Amino acid sequence: MLREAREAFSRFWPLTRGDRGWLGAIIGCVVVVVVVVVVALAETAAIPLRRTRRTAR
């Protein structure tokens, strides 16, 4: 079944090994950028919370 799925996928989206390598590199970079942005936003959102807690005490 997996073999048939791979064959069907390769018919509709034929990629060479070089294309797959570049595609993997691009997807990896996109994932890294998304993670960095999410972490930066979470840190930015956490900064005002820390200040309000300190001033509330």
C-alpha atoms as a PDB file:
ATOM      1  CA  MET A   1       0.000   0.000   0.000  1.00  0.00           C
ATOM      2  CA  LEU A   2       2.813   2.427   0.837  1.00  0.00           C
ATOM      3  CA  ARG A   3       4.483   1.575  -2.438  1.00  0.00           C
ATOM      4  CA  GLU A   4       1.321   2.402  -4.366  1.00  0.00           C
ATOM      5  CA  ALA A   5       0.945   5.698  -2.530  1.00  0.00           C
ATOM      6  CA  ARG A   6       4.525   6.669  -3.358  1.00  0.00           C
ATOM      7  CA  GLU A   7       4.017   5.777  -6.998  1.00  0.00           C
ATOM      8  CA  ALA A   8       0.795   7.791  -7.218  1.00  0.00           C
ATOM      9  CA  PHE A   9       2.445  10.754  -5.484  1.00  0.00           C
ATOM     10  CA  SER A  10       5.416  10.679  -7.828  1.00  0.00           C
ATOM     11  CA  ARG A  11       3.111  10.678 -10.852  1.00  0.00           C
ATOM     12  CA  PHE A  12       1.311  13.822  -9.756  1.00  0.00           C
ATOM     13  CA  TRP A  13       4.355  15.578  -8.322  1.00  0.00           C
ATOM     14  CA  PRO A  14       7.528  14.345 -10.021  1.00  0.00           C
ATOM     15  CA  LEU A  15      10.591  15.608  -8.214  1.00  0.00           C
ATOM     16  CA  THR A  16      14.183  14.656  -8.759  1.00  0.00           C
ATOM     17  CA  ARG A  17      16.470  13.972  -5.807  1.00  0.00           C
ATOM     18  CA  GLY A  18      17.992  17.414  -6.194  1.00  0.00           C
ATOM     19  CA  ASP A  19      14.558  19.033  -6.103  1.00  0.00           C
ATOM     20  CA  ARG A  20      13.656  17.084  -2.988  1.00  0.00           C
ATOM     21  CA  GLY A  21      16.843  18.239  -1.289  1.00  0.00           C
ATOM     22  CA  TRP A  22      16.140  21.893  -2.024  1.00  0.00           C
ATOM     23  CA  LEU A  23      12.516  21.486  -1.028  1.00  0.00           C
ATOM     24  CA  GLY A  24      13.592  19.921   2.263  1.00  0.00           C
ATOM     25  CA  ALA A  25      16.042  22.753   2.912  1.00  0.00           C
ATOM     26  CA  ILE A  26      13.405  25.397   2.195  1.00  0.00           C
ATOM     27  CA  ILE A  27      10.820  23.696   4.395  1.00  0.00           C
ATOM     28  CA  GLY A  28      13.406  23.379   7.170  1.00  0.00           C
ATOM     29  CA  CYS A  29      14.211  27.095   6.963  1.00  0.00           C
ATOM     30  CA  VAL A  30      10.528  28.002   7.022  1.00  0.00           C
ATOM     31  CA  VAL A  31       9.998  25.862  10.112  1.00  0.00           C
ATOM     32  CA  VAL A  32      12.944  27.537  11.853  1.00  0.00           C
ATOM     33  CA  VAL A  33      11.655  31.014  10.994  1.00  0.00           C
ATOM     34  CA  VAL A  34       8.159  30.175  12.257  1.00  0.00           C
ATOM     35  CA  VAL A  35       9.541  28.816  15.527  1.00  0.00           C
ATOM     36  CA  VAL A  36      11.723  31.895  16.033  1.00  0.00           C
ATOM     37  CA  VAL A  37       8.783  34.234  15.388  1.00  0.00           C
ATOM     38  CA  VAL A  38       6.506  32.317  17.754  1.00  0.00           C
ATOM     39  CA  VAL A  39       9.154  32.347  20.490  1.00  0.00           C
ATOM     40  CA  ALA A  40       9.762  36.070  19.992  1.00  0.00           C
ATOM     41  CA  LEU A  41       6.050  36.827  20.171  1.00  0.00           C
ATOM     42  CA  ALA A  42       5.643  34.697  23.276  1.00  0.00           C
ATOM     43  CA  GLU A  43       8.561  36.449  24.932  1.00  0.00           C
ATOM     44  CA  THR A  44       7.218  39.866  23.957  1.00  0.00           C
ATOM     45  CA  ALA A  45       3.802  38.989  25.335  1.00  0.00           C
ATOM     46  CA  ALA A  46       5.367  37.743  28.568  1.00  0.00           C
ATOM     47  CA  ILE A  47       7.338  40.937  29.256  1.00  0.00           C
ATOM     48  CA  PRO A  48       4.347  43.131  30.223  1.00  0.00           C
ATOM     49  CA  LEU A  49       2.955  40.338  32.399  1.00  0.00           C
ATOM     50  CA  ARG A  50       6.188  40.205  34.377  1.00  0.00           C
ATOM     51  CA  ARG A  51       6.192  43.972  34.911  1.00  0.00           C
ATOM     52  CA  THR A  52       2.578  44.094  36.069  1.00  0.00           C
ATOM     53  CA  ARG A  53       3.149  41.326  38.554  1.00  0.00           C
ATOM     54  CA  ARG A  54       6.154  43.076  40.027  1.00  0.00           C
ATOM     55  CA  THR A  55       4.381  46.436  40.334  1.00  0.00           C
ATOM     56  CA  ALA A  56       1.237  44.824  41.774  1.00  0.00           C
ATOM     57  CA  ARG A  57       3.144  43.437  44.746  1.00  0.00           C
END
